Amino acid sequence: MTVADGLRDEARWANLVELVKDLAFLDGGSDDAFTLASGRNSRWFFDMKTVMMHPGAGRIVGELMNLRIDEIGCDFVGGLELGAVPLAALVVATDYQSVRRGFMVRKSAKGRGGRKTNNPPGVEGTSIAGGGDVVILEDVTTTGGSAIQAVKRIEQETPCKVVAVISILDREEGGKEAFEAAGIRFESLLVRSDITG
């Protein structure tokens, strides 16, 4: 299980489950109803952008992410466009201690972004050129491939160390095992079975 001990005891966690069911979850009724970004087919589809863009749900996501990040500890949060962009903004905006800064990693560099920050091409937002501990964020995890790609880019192209990956939802389709094999700490706020039963 990728949900941290005690997180389900938070009153906000139960609210998030209901909001995800209402705003983001579709059950197609058959195992090939939806084709996912990973190329896999699935009965279930989760659109977490609707959750992140909802004022109440977005605030809960940011606050619960910060609970976990406070325990893990880091200087920066970020991840691959597009899903991690609003997620990093939510985490930064609900970090009431104002200790974290956010960044995003473009899937392909546009040649901008590092002019003032000294970040490598394609890494935009706060400067991470001086190094520090990073938590990579993801909206939905299936295989873990996108987040592992972001971890590799950050660790190869900057002096930063990735200390964890946190996702809103783990689809329970191999991501946890992929992170374990790569030696990367992985957590999620929710798992698919929290929503589908």
N, C-alpha and C. Protein backbone atom coordinates (compact mmCIF):
# COMPACT_ATOMS: atom_id res chain seq x y z
N MET A 1 0.85 -1.19 0.00
CA MET A 1 0.00 0.00 0.00
C MET A 1 0.89 1.24 0.00
N THR A 2 0.56 2.20 -0.85
CA THR A 2 1.39 3.39 -0.97
C THR A 2 0.88 4.58 -0.15
N VAL A 3 -0.27 4.45 0.48
CA VAL A 3 -0.80 5.52 1.32
C VAL A 3 -0.13 5.42 2.70
N ALA A 4 0.44 6.51 3.15
CA ALA A 4 1.18 6.52 4.42
C ALA A 4 0.28 6.20 5.60
N ASP A 5 0.86 5.53 6.59
CA ASP A 5 0.13 5.22 7.81
C ASP A 5 -0.42 6.51 8.42
N GLY A 6 -1.66 6.47 8.85
CA GLY A 6 -2.28 7.60 9.52
C GLY A 6 -2.96 8.59 8.59
N LEU A 7 -2.61 8.58 7.30
CA LEU A 7 -3.20 9.57 6.39
C LEU A 7 -4.71 9.37 6.25
N ARG A 8 -5.15 8.14 6.24
CA ARG A 8 -6.59 7.86 6.11
C ARG A 8 -7.38 8.33 7.35
N ASP A 9 -6.69 8.60 8.45
CA ASP A 9 -7.36 9.09 9.66
C ASP A 9 -7.66 10.58 9.59
N GLU A 10 -7.06 11.27 8.64
CA GLU A 10 -7.31 12.71 8.46
C GLU A 10 -8.73 12.90 7.93
N ALA A 11 -9.51 13.78 8.54
CA ALA A 11 -10.88 14.04 8.07
C ALA A 11 -10.89 14.51 6.62
N ARG A 12 -9.88 15.28 6.24
CA ARG A 12 -9.80 15.77 4.86
C ARG A 12 -9.61 14.64 3.87
N TRP A 13 -8.98 13.54 4.30
CA TRP A 13 -8.75 12.42 3.39
C TRP A 13 -10.08 11.84 2.92
N ALA A 14 -11.02 11.62 3.82
CA ALA A 14 -12.34 11.09 3.44
C ALA A 14 -13.06 12.06 2.51
N ASN A 15 -12.92 13.35 2.75
CA ASN A 15 -13.51 14.35 1.84
C ASN A 15 -12.90 14.24 0.46
N LEU A 16 -11.58 14.03 0.39
CA LEU A 16 -10.91 13.91 -0.91
C LEU A 16 -11.41 12.69 -1.67
N VAL A 17 -11.61 11.58 -0.98
CA VAL A 17 -12.14 10.38 -1.65
C VAL A 17 -13.46 10.71 -2.33
N GLU A 18 -14.36 11.37 -1.62
CA GLU A 18 -15.67 11.70 -2.18
C GLU A 18 -15.56 12.68 -3.34
N LEU A 19 -14.67 13.66 -3.20
CA LEU A 19 -14.48 14.63 -4.28
C LEU A 19 -13.90 13.97 -5.53
N VAL A 20 -12.96 13.05 -5.37
CA VAL A 20 -12.39 12.34 -6.51
C VAL A 20 -13.47 11.50 -7.19
N LYS A 21 -14.27 10.79 -6.40
CA LYS A 21 -15.37 10.01 -6.99
C LYS A 21 -16.29 10.90 -7.80
N ASP A 22 -16.61 12.06 -7.27
CA ASP A 22 -17.56 12.96 -7.91
C ASP A 22 -16.96 13.69 -9.12
N LEU A 23 -15.73 14.17 -9.00
CA LEU A 23 -15.15 15.04 -10.01
C LEU A 23 -14.28 14.34 -11.06
N ALA A 24 -13.64 13.24 -10.69
CA ALA A 24 -12.56 12.72 -11.54
C ALA A 24 -12.71 11.30 -12.03
N PHE A 25 -13.62 10.53 -11.47
CA PHE A 25 -13.65 9.09 -11.70
C PHE A 25 -14.72 8.68 -12.71
N LEU A 26 -14.31 7.85 -13.67
CA LEU A 26 -15.24 7.23 -14.62
C LEU A 26 -15.03 5.72 -14.60
N ASP A 27 -16.11 4.97 -14.57
CA ASP A 27 -16.08 3.51 -14.68
C ASP A 27 -16.68 3.15 -16.02
N GLY A 28 -15.83 2.65 -16.92
CA GLY A 28 -16.28 2.33 -18.28
C GLY A 28 -17.00 1.01 -18.40
N GLY A 29 -16.97 0.18 -17.34
CA GLY A 29 -17.71 -1.06 -17.34
C GLY A 29 -17.00 -2.25 -17.95
N SER A 30 -15.93 -2.03 -18.70
CA SER A 30 -15.15 -3.14 -19.26
C SER A 30 -13.67 -2.80 -19.20
N ASP A 31 -12.82 -3.84 -19.22
CA ASP A 31 -11.39 -3.63 -19.02
C ASP A 31 -10.70 -2.87 -20.13
N ASP A 32 -11.34 -2.68 -21.27
CA ASP A 32 -10.71 -1.94 -22.37
C ASP A 32 -11.45 -0.65 -22.70
N ALA A 33 -12.19 -0.13 -21.74
CA ALA A 33 -13.01 1.07 -21.97
C ALA A 33 -12.18 2.31 -22.25
N PHE A 34 -11.02 2.44 -21.62
CA PHE A 34 -10.20 3.65 -21.75
C PHE A 34 -8.78 3.26 -22.10
N THR A 35 -8.15 4.05 -22.98
CA THR A 35 -6.72 3.91 -23.25
C THR A 35 -6.00 5.00 -22.48
N LEU A 36 -5.07 4.59 -21.64
CA LEU A 36 -4.35 5.51 -20.75
C LEU A 36 -3.11 6.08 -21.44
N ALA A 37 -2.53 7.10 -20.86
CA ALA A 37 -1.30 7.70 -21.39
C ALA A 37 -0.18 6.68 -21.50
N SER A 38 -0.18 5.68 -20.62
CA SER A 38 0.84 4.62 -20.65
C SER A 38 0.65 3.68 -21.83
N GLY A 39 -0.50 3.78 -22.51
CA GLY A 39 -0.82 2.87 -23.60
C GLY A 39 -1.66 1.68 -23.17
N ARG A 40 -1.77 1.49 -21.87
CA ARG A 40 -2.58 0.40 -21.34
C ARG A 40 -4.06 0.72 -21.46
N ASN A 41 -4.87 -0.34 -21.48
CA ASN A 41 -6.32 -0.17 -21.44
C ASN A 41 -6.80 -0.41 -20.02
N SER A 42 -7.89 0.26 -19.66
CA SER A 42 -8.40 0.14 -18.31
C SER A 42 -9.91 0.34 -18.27
N ARG A 43 -10.50 -0.27 -17.31
CA ARG A 43 -11.92 -0.06 -17.03
C ARG A 43 -12.14 1.32 -16.40
N TRP A 44 -11.13 1.81 -15.66
CA TRP A 44 -11.28 3.02 -14.86
C TRP A 44 -10.45 4.17 -15.42
N PHE A 45 -11.01 5.37 -15.33
CA PHE A 45 -10.30 6.57 -15.76
C PHE A 45 -10.39 7.62 -14.64
N PHE A 46 -9.28 8.29 -14.39
CA PHE A 46 -9.21 9.34 -13.38
C PHE A 46 -8.65 10.60 -14.02
N ASP A 47 -9.42 11.68 -14.00
CA ASP A 47 -8.97 12.97 -14.50
C ASP A 47 -8.72 13.89 -13.31
N MET A 48 -7.51 13.86 -12.79
CA MET A 48 -7.20 14.63 -11.59
C MET A 48 -7.10 16.13 -11.84
N LYS A 49 -7.08 16.55 -13.11
CA LYS A 49 -7.04 17.98 -13.37
C LYS A 49 -8.32 18.64 -12.85
N THR A 50 -9.44 17.94 -12.94
CA THR A 50 -10.69 18.51 -12.41
C THR A 50 -10.62 18.64 -10.89
N VAL A 51 -9.90 17.75 -10.25
CA VAL A 51 -9.73 17.81 -8.79
C VAL A 51 -8.80 18.97 -8.44
N MET A 52 -7.68 19.09 -9.14
CA MET A 52 -6.72 20.15 -8.83
C MET A 52 -7.27 21.53 -9.11
N MET A 53 -8.20 21.65 -10.06
CA MET A 53 -8.76 22.95 -10.44
C MET A 53 -10.03 23.30 -9.65
N HIS A 54 -10.43 22.44 -8.74
CA HIS A 54 -11.59 22.69 -7.89
C HIS A 54 -11.09 23.34 -6.60
N PRO A 55 -11.70 24.45 -6.15
CA PRO A 55 -11.13 25.16 -4.99
C PRO A 55 -11.04 24.32 -3.72
N GLY A 56 -12.08 23.60 -3.37
CA GLY A 56 -12.03 22.79 -2.15
C GLY A 56 -11.13 21.58 -2.30
N ALA A 57 -11.30 20.85 -3.39
CA ALA A 57 -10.49 19.65 -3.61
C ALA A 57 -9.02 20.00 -3.78
N GLY A 58 -8.73 21.07 -4.52
CA GLY A 58 -7.34 21.48 -4.72
C GLY A 58 -6.66 21.83 -3.41
N ARG A 59 -7.38 22.54 -2.55
CA ARG A 59 -6.82 22.91 -1.24
C ARG A 59 -6.51 21.66 -0.42
N ILE A 60 -7.43 20.69 -0.42
CA ILE A 60 -7.21 19.45 0.34
C ILE A 60 -6.00 18.71 -0.20
N VAL A 61 -5.89 18.60 -1.53
CA VAL A 61 -4.74 17.93 -2.12
C VAL A 61 -3.45 18.61 -1.68
N GLY A 62 -3.39 19.93 -1.80
CA GLY A 62 -2.19 20.66 -1.39
C GLY A 62 -1.85 20.45 0.07
N GLU A 63 -2.86 20.54 0.94
CA GLU A 63 -2.61 20.39 2.38
C GLU A 63 -2.18 18.97 2.74
N LEU A 64 -2.80 17.96 2.14
CA LEU A 64 -2.40 16.57 2.43
C LEU A 64 -1.01 16.28 1.88
N MET A 65 -0.71 16.81 0.70
CA MET A 65 0.65 16.65 0.16
C MET A 65 1.66 17.28 1.12
N ASN A 66 1.35 18.47 1.62
CA ASN A 66 2.27 19.13 2.54
C ASN A 66 2.44 18.36 3.84
N LEU A 67 1.38 17.70 4.33
CA LEU A 67 1.54 16.85 5.52
C LEU A 67 2.61 15.80 5.29
N ARG A 68 2.56 15.16 4.14
CA ARG A 68 3.53 14.11 3.82
C ARG A 68 4.92 14.72 3.58
N ILE A 69 4.96 15.83 2.86
CA ILE A 69 6.25 16.45 2.54
C ILE A 69 6.91 17.00 3.81
N ASP A 70 6.11 17.50 4.75
CA ASP A 70 6.69 17.95 6.03
C ASP A 70 7.42 16.81 6.71
N GLU A 71 6.87 15.61 6.66
CA GLU A 71 7.52 14.46 7.29
C GLU A 71 8.77 14.03 6.52
N ILE A 72 8.68 14.04 5.20
CA ILE A 72 9.80 13.60 4.36
C ILE A 72 10.91 14.64 4.36
N GLY A 73 10.53 15.90 4.21
CA GLY A 73 11.48 17.00 4.15
C GLY A 73 12.01 17.23 2.75
N CYS A 74 11.91 18.47 2.28
CA CYS A 74 12.50 18.82 0.98
C CYS A 74 12.55 20.34 0.85
N ASP A 75 13.30 20.77 -0.16
CA ASP A 75 13.43 22.19 -0.47
C ASP A 75 12.54 22.60 -1.64
N PHE A 76 12.34 21.66 -2.58
CA PHE A 76 11.63 21.96 -3.83
C PHE A 76 10.64 20.85 -4.16
N VAL A 77 9.55 21.26 -4.85
CA VAL A 77 8.59 20.30 -5.39
C VAL A 77 8.39 20.61 -6.86
N GLY A 78 8.19 19.57 -7.64
CA GLY A 78 7.94 19.78 -9.07
C GLY A 78 7.78 18.47 -9.77
N GLY A 79 7.67 18.54 -11.07
CA GLY A 79 7.53 17.33 -11.86
C GLY A 79 7.24 17.67 -13.31
N LEU A 80 6.90 16.62 -14.06
CA LEU A 80 6.68 16.76 -15.49
C LEU A 80 5.39 17.49 -15.80
N GLU A 81 5.45 18.33 -16.85
CA GLU A 81 4.22 18.90 -17.36
C GLU A 81 3.33 17.77 -17.89
N LEU A 82 2.14 17.82 -17.85
CA LEU A 82 1.24 18.87 -17.48
C LEU A 82 0.69 18.65 -16.07
N GLY A 83 0.54 17.39 -15.67
CA GLY A 83 -0.12 17.10 -14.40
C GLY A 83 0.55 17.68 -13.18
N ALA A 84 1.88 17.75 -13.18
CA ALA A 84 2.59 18.23 -11.99
C ALA A 84 2.61 19.75 -11.87
N VAL A 85 2.25 20.46 -12.94
CA VAL A 85 2.31 21.92 -12.88
C VAL A 85 1.29 22.48 -11.91
N PRO A 86 -0.02 22.18 -12.08
CA PRO A 86 -0.96 22.70 -11.07
C PRO A 86 -0.73 22.08 -9.70
N LEU A 87 -0.26 20.85 -9.67
CA LEU A 87 -0.02 20.19 -8.39
C LEU A 87 1.10 20.88 -7.61
N ALA A 88 2.18 21.22 -8.28
CA ALA A 88 3.26 21.96 -7.61
C ALA A 88 2.76 23.31 -7.11
N ALA A 89 1.93 23.98 -7.90
CA ALA A 89 1.39 25.27 -7.47
C ALA A 89 0.51 25.11 -6.23
N LEU A 90 -0.30 24.06 -6.20
CA LEU A 90 -1.14 23.80 -5.02
C LEU A 90 -0.31 23.55 -3.78
N VAL A 91 0.75 22.77 -3.92
CA VAL A 91 1.60 22.45 -2.77
C VAL A 91 2.30 23.71 -2.27
N VAL A 92 2.83 24.51 -3.18
CA VAL A 92 3.51 25.74 -2.77
C VAL A 92 2.51 26.69 -2.11
N ALA A 93 1.32 26.82 -2.68
CA ALA A 93 0.32 27.76 -2.15
C ALA A 93 -0.23 27.35 -0.79
N THR A 94 -0.21 26.05 -0.48
CA THR A 94 -0.73 25.59 0.81
C THR A 94 0.38 25.22 1.78
N ASP A 95 1.61 25.59 1.45
CA ASP A 95 2.73 25.45 2.38
C ASP A 95 2.75 26.71 3.24
N TYR A 96 2.01 26.68 4.32
CA TYR A 96 1.79 27.89 5.12
C TYR A 96 3.04 28.34 5.86
N GLN A 97 4.08 27.51 5.88
CA GLN A 97 5.36 27.91 6.46
C GLN A 97 6.25 28.59 5.42
N SER A 98 5.85 28.51 4.16
CA SER A 98 6.57 29.14 3.03
C SER A 98 8.03 28.72 2.96
N VAL A 99 8.28 27.42 3.06
CA VAL A 99 9.65 26.94 2.99
C VAL A 99 9.97 26.27 1.66
N ARG A 100 8.96 25.89 0.88
CA ARG A 100 9.19 25.18 -0.38
C ARG A 100 8.96 26.06 -1.58
N ARG A 101 9.67 25.75 -2.62
CA ARG A 101 9.50 26.42 -3.90
C ARG A 101 9.21 25.35 -4.96
N GLY A 102 8.58 25.78 -6.06
CA GLY A 102 8.17 24.83 -7.09
C GLY A 102 8.85 25.05 -8.42
N PHE A 103 8.85 23.99 -9.21
CA PHE A 103 9.40 24.04 -10.57
C PHE A 103 8.64 23.04 -11.43
N MET A 104 8.86 23.12 -12.72
CA MET A 104 8.28 22.15 -13.65
C MET A 104 9.34 21.69 -14.61
N VAL A 105 9.16 20.48 -15.11
CA VAL A 105 10.07 19.91 -16.10
C VAL A 105 9.28 19.73 -17.39
N ARG A 106 9.69 20.45 -18.43
CA ARG A 106 9.03 20.28 -19.72
C ARG A 106 9.41 18.93 -20.32
N LYS A 107 8.48 18.32 -21.03
CA LYS A 107 8.78 17.04 -21.68
C LYS A 107 9.84 17.22 -22.75
N SER A 108 9.83 18.38 -23.40
CA SER A 108 10.91 18.72 -24.32
C SER A 108 11.25 20.19 -24.10
N ALA A 109 12.54 20.47 -23.97
CA ALA A 109 13.00 21.82 -23.66
C ALA A 109 12.68 22.77 -24.80
N LYS A 110 12.31 24.00 -24.46
CA LYS A 110 12.00 25.01 -25.47
C LYS A 110 13.13 26.03 -25.58
N GLY A 111 14.21 25.82 -24.85
CA GLY A 111 15.34 26.74 -24.93
C GLY A 111 15.20 27.96 -24.02
N ARG A 112 14.10 28.01 -23.27
CA ARG A 112 13.89 29.12 -22.35
C ARG A 112 13.91 28.57 -20.93
N GLY A 113 13.73 29.47 -20.00
CA GLY A 113 13.51 29.06 -18.62
C GLY A 113 14.72 29.19 -17.73
N GLY A 114 15.91 29.04 -18.24
CA GLY A 114 17.08 29.09 -17.39
C GLY A 114 17.82 30.40 -17.44
N ARG A 115 17.29 31.37 -18.17
CA ARG A 115 18.01 32.64 -18.35
C ARG A 115 18.31 33.32 -17.02
N LYS A 116 17.34 33.37 -16.15
CA LYS A 116 17.56 34.04 -14.86
C LYS A 116 17.86 33.04 -13.75
N THR A 117 17.35 31.83 -13.87
CA THR A 117 17.45 30.85 -12.79
C THR A 117 18.69 29.97 -12.86
N ASN A 118 19.33 29.91 -14.02
CA ASN A 118 20.46 29.00 -14.28
C ASN A 118 20.04 27.54 -14.25
N ASN A 119 18.72 27.28 -14.37
CA ASN A 119 18.26 25.90 -14.49
C ASN A 119 18.62 25.37 -15.87
N PRO A 120 18.75 24.06 -16.00
CA PRO A 120 19.01 23.49 -17.32
C PRO A 120 17.80 23.72 -18.23
N PRO A 121 17.98 23.68 -19.55
CA PRO A 121 16.86 23.87 -20.47
C PRO A 121 15.72 22.91 -20.14
N GLY A 122 14.51 23.47 -20.12
CA GLY A 122 13.33 22.66 -19.86
C GLY A 122 12.92 22.58 -18.40
N VAL A 123 13.76 23.10 -17.50
CA VAL A 123 13.40 23.15 -16.08
C VAL A 123 13.08 24.60 -15.77
N GLU A 124 11.80 24.86 -15.44
CA GLU A 124 11.35 26.24 -15.27
C GLU A 124 10.70 26.42 -13.91
N GLY A 125 10.69 27.68 -13.47
CA GLY A 125 10.15 28.02 -12.16
C GLY A 125 11.30 28.48 -11.27
N THR A 126 11.25 28.07 -10.02
CA THR A 126 12.28 28.42 -9.06
C THR A 126 13.63 27.86 -9.48
N SER A 127 14.69 28.58 -9.18
CA SER A 127 16.03 28.08 -9.46
C SER A 127 16.35 26.89 -8.55
N ILE A 128 16.74 25.79 -9.16
CA ILE A 128 17.21 24.63 -8.41
C ILE A 128 18.69 24.39 -8.70
N ALA A 129 19.33 25.39 -9.31
CA ALA A 129 20.73 25.27 -9.72
C ALA A 129 21.68 25.14 -8.54
N GLY A 130 21.28 25.60 -7.36
CA GLY A 130 22.13 25.50 -6.18
C GLY A 130 22.01 24.17 -5.46
N GLY A 131 21.10 23.31 -5.92
CA GLY A 131 20.93 22.00 -5.30
C GLY A 131 19.95 22.03 -4.14
N GLY A 132 19.62 20.85 -3.66
CA GLY A 132 18.69 20.70 -2.55
C GLY A 132 17.90 19.41 -2.72
N ASP A 133 17.07 19.12 -1.75
CA ASP A 133 16.23 17.93 -1.79
C ASP A 133 14.92 18.24 -2.50
N VAL A 134 14.49 17.29 -3.34
CA VAL A 134 13.33 17.47 -4.20
C VAL A 134 12.33 16.35 -3.97
N VAL A 135 11.04 16.71 -3.97
CA VAL A 135 9.96 15.72 -4.08
C VAL A 135 9.32 15.93 -5.44
N ILE A 136 9.29 14.87 -6.23
CA ILE A 136 8.63 14.89 -7.54
C ILE A 136 7.16 14.58 -7.32
N LEU A 137 6.29 15.36 -7.94
CA LEU A 137 4.85 15.22 -7.80
C LEU A 137 4.25 14.64 -9.07
N GLU A 138 3.16 13.90 -8.90
CA GLU A 138 2.46 13.31 -10.04
C GLU A 138 0.98 13.28 -9.71
N ASP A 139 0.14 13.51 -10.71
CA ASP A 139 -1.29 13.48 -10.44
C ASP A 139 -1.84 12.06 -10.37
N VAL A 140 -1.53 11.23 -11.36
CA VAL A 140 -1.97 9.84 -11.38
C VAL A 140 -0.79 8.98 -11.75
N THR A 141 -0.57 7.90 -11.00
CA THR A 141 0.54 6.98 -11.30
C THR A 141 -0.02 5.66 -11.79
N THR A 142 0.45 5.24 -12.95
CA THR A 142 0.09 3.92 -13.48
C THR A 142 1.33 3.04 -13.40
N THR A 143 2.27 3.25 -14.32
CA THR A 143 3.49 2.45 -14.35
C THR A 143 4.66 3.12 -13.63
N GLY A 144 4.55 4.42 -13.39
CA GLY A 144 5.64 5.17 -12.76
C GLY A 144 6.65 5.71 -13.75
N GLY A 145 6.50 5.39 -15.03
CA GLY A 145 7.50 5.75 -16.03
C GLY A 145 7.76 7.24 -16.15
N SER A 146 6.71 8.06 -16.16
CA SER A 146 6.89 9.51 -16.31
C SER A 146 7.63 10.11 -15.12
N ALA A 147 7.25 9.71 -13.92
CA ALA A 147 7.91 10.26 -12.73
C ALA A 147 9.35 9.78 -12.64
N ILE A 148 9.62 8.54 -13.00
CA ILE A 148 11.00 8.04 -12.98
C ILE A 148 11.84 8.82 -13.99
N GLN A 149 11.25 9.16 -15.13
CA GLN A 149 11.93 10.00 -16.12
C GLN A 149 12.27 11.37 -15.52
N ALA A 150 11.33 11.96 -14.80
CA ALA A 150 11.57 13.26 -14.16
C ALA A 150 12.68 13.16 -13.11
N VAL A 151 12.66 12.09 -12.31
CA VAL A 151 13.70 11.87 -11.30
C VAL A 151 15.08 11.83 -11.97
N LYS A 152 15.19 11.05 -13.04
CA LYS A 152 16.48 10.91 -13.74
C LYS A 152 16.95 12.25 -14.28
N ARG A 153 16.06 13.01 -14.90
CA ARG A 153 16.46 14.31 -15.44
C ARG A 153 16.95 15.24 -14.35
N ILE A 154 16.22 15.31 -13.26
CA ILE A 154 16.61 16.22 -12.18
C ILE A 154 17.96 15.80 -11.60
N GLU A 155 18.15 14.51 -11.37
CA GLU A 155 19.41 14.06 -10.75
C GLU A 155 20.58 14.10 -11.72
N GLN A 156 20.33 13.99 -13.03
CA GLN A 156 21.42 14.04 -14.00
C GLN A 156 21.78 15.47 -14.40
N GLU A 157 20.79 16.37 -14.40
CA GLU A 157 21.00 17.70 -14.94
C GLU A 157 21.15 18.80 -13.89
N THR A 158 20.93 18.45 -12.61
CA THR A 158 21.05 19.45 -11.55
C THR A 158 21.80 18.81 -10.37
N PRO A 159 22.24 19.63 -9.41
CA PRO A 159 22.87 19.07 -8.21
C PRO A 159 21.87 18.61 -7.16
N CYS A 160 20.58 18.53 -7.52
CA CYS A 160 19.54 18.16 -6.57
C CYS A 160 19.47 16.65 -6.36
N LYS A 161 18.92 16.26 -5.22
CA LYS A 161 18.67 14.86 -4.90
C LYS A 161 17.17 14.68 -4.73
N VAL A 162 16.60 13.73 -5.45
CA VAL A 162 15.17 13.43 -5.31
C VAL A 162 15.00 12.49 -4.12
N VAL A 163 14.21 12.92 -3.14
CA VAL A 163 14.02 12.14 -1.92
C VAL A 163 12.73 11.32 -1.94
N ALA A 164 11.81 11.66 -2.85
CA ALA A 164 10.55 10.90 -2.93
C ALA A 164 9.76 11.35 -4.15
N VAL A 165 8.82 10.49 -4.51
CA VAL A 165 7.78 10.82 -5.49
C VAL A 165 6.45 10.65 -4.75
N ILE A 166 5.57 11.66 -4.88
CA ILE A 166 4.25 11.57 -4.29
C ILE A 166 3.21 11.83 -5.37
N SER A 167 2.22 10.96 -5.43
CA SER A 167 1.14 11.06 -6.41
C SER A 167 -0.18 11.28 -5.68
N ILE A 168 -1.11 11.92 -6.35
CA ILE A 168 -2.45 11.99 -5.77
C ILE A 168 -3.05 10.59 -5.73
N LEU A 169 -2.96 9.86 -6.85
CA LEU A 169 -3.60 8.55 -6.93
C LEU A 169 -2.68 7.52 -7.57
N ASP A 170 -2.51 6.40 -6.90
CA ASP A 170 -1.79 5.24 -7.43
C ASP A 170 -2.83 4.28 -7.99
N ARG A 171 -2.77 4.03 -9.29
CA ARG A 171 -3.74 3.14 -9.94
C ARG A 171 -3.52 1.67 -9.56
N GLU A 172 -2.46 1.36 -8.80
CA GLU A 172 -2.15 0.00 -8.38
C GLU A 172 -1.94 -0.92 -9.59
N GLU A 173 -1.15 -0.40 -10.55
CA GLU A 173 -0.88 -1.15 -11.77
C GLU A 173 0.61 -1.25 -12.05
N GLY A 174 1.42 -1.33 -11.02
CA GLY A 174 2.84 -1.56 -11.21
C GLY A 174 3.75 -0.40 -10.87
N GLY A 175 3.20 0.77 -10.61
CA GLY A 175 4.03 1.92 -10.28
C GLY A 175 4.85 1.71 -9.02
N LYS A 176 4.20 1.22 -7.98
CA LYS A 176 4.90 0.99 -6.71
C LYS A 176 6.11 0.08 -6.91
N GLU A 177 5.92 -0.99 -7.67
CA GLU A 177 7.01 -1.94 -7.91
C GLU A 177 8.12 -1.31 -8.75
N ALA A 178 7.75 -0.46 -9.72
CA ALA A 178 8.77 0.21 -10.55
C ALA A 178 9.62 1.16 -9.72
N PHE A 179 8.98 1.88 -8.80
CA PHE A 179 9.74 2.78 -7.92
C PHE A 179 10.65 1.99 -6.99
N GLU A 180 10.14 0.90 -6.45
CA GLU A 180 10.97 0.06 -5.58
C GLU A 180 12.19 -0.44 -6.34
N ALA A 181 11.99 -0.90 -7.58
CA ALA A 181 13.11 -1.41 -8.39
C ALA A 181 14.12 -0.31 -8.68
N ALA A 182 13.66 0.94 -8.80
CA ALA A 182 14.55 2.07 -9.08
C ALA A 182 15.15 2.66 -7.81
N GLY A 183 14.74 2.16 -6.63
CA GLY A 183 15.25 2.67 -5.37
C GLY A 183 14.72 4.04 -5.00
N ILE A 184 13.48 4.34 -5.42
CA ILE A 184 12.88 5.66 -5.19
C ILE A 184 11.71 5.49 -4.21
N ARG A 185 11.69 6.30 -3.17
CA ARG A 185 10.56 6.30 -2.23
C ARG A 185 9.32 6.79 -2.97
N PHE A 186 8.20 6.08 -2.79
CA PHE A 186 6.95 6.43 -3.46
C PHE A 186 5.78 6.37 -2.49
N GLU A 187 4.95 7.40 -2.54
CA GLU A 187 3.72 7.43 -1.77
C GLU A 187 2.62 8.01 -2.64
N SER A 188 1.39 7.76 -2.22
CA SER A 188 0.24 8.41 -2.86
C SER A 188 -0.76 8.79 -1.78
N LEU A 189 -1.59 9.76 -2.10
CA LEU A 189 -2.65 10.14 -1.16
C LEU A 189 -3.77 9.11 -1.19
N LEU A 190 -4.02 8.55 -2.36
CA LEU A 190 -5.10 7.58 -2.57
C LEU A 190 -4.59 6.44 -3.44
N VAL A 191 -5.27 5.31 -3.36
CA VAL A 191 -5.05 4.23 -4.32
C VAL A 191 -6.39 3.94 -5.01
N ARG A 192 -6.32 3.34 -6.18
CA ARG A 192 -7.51 3.07 -6.97
C ARG A 192 -8.59 2.39 -6.16
N SER A 193 -8.22 1.41 -5.35
CA SER A 193 -9.23 0.66 -4.60
C SER A 193 -9.93 1.51 -3.53
N ASP A 194 -9.35 2.66 -3.14
CA ASP A 194 -10.05 3.58 -2.26
C ASP A 194 -11.29 4.14 -2.96
N ILE A 195 -11.20 4.25 -4.28
CA ILE A 195 -12.28 4.84 -5.07
C ILE A 195 -13.22 3.79 -5.63
N THR A 196 -12.65 2.68 -6.12
CA THR A 196 -13.47 1.68 -6.81
C THR A 196 -14.01 0.61 -5.89
N GLY A 197 -13.49 0.55 -4.66
CA GLY A 197 -13.96 -0.44 -3.70
C GLY A 197 -13.28 -1.77 -3.78
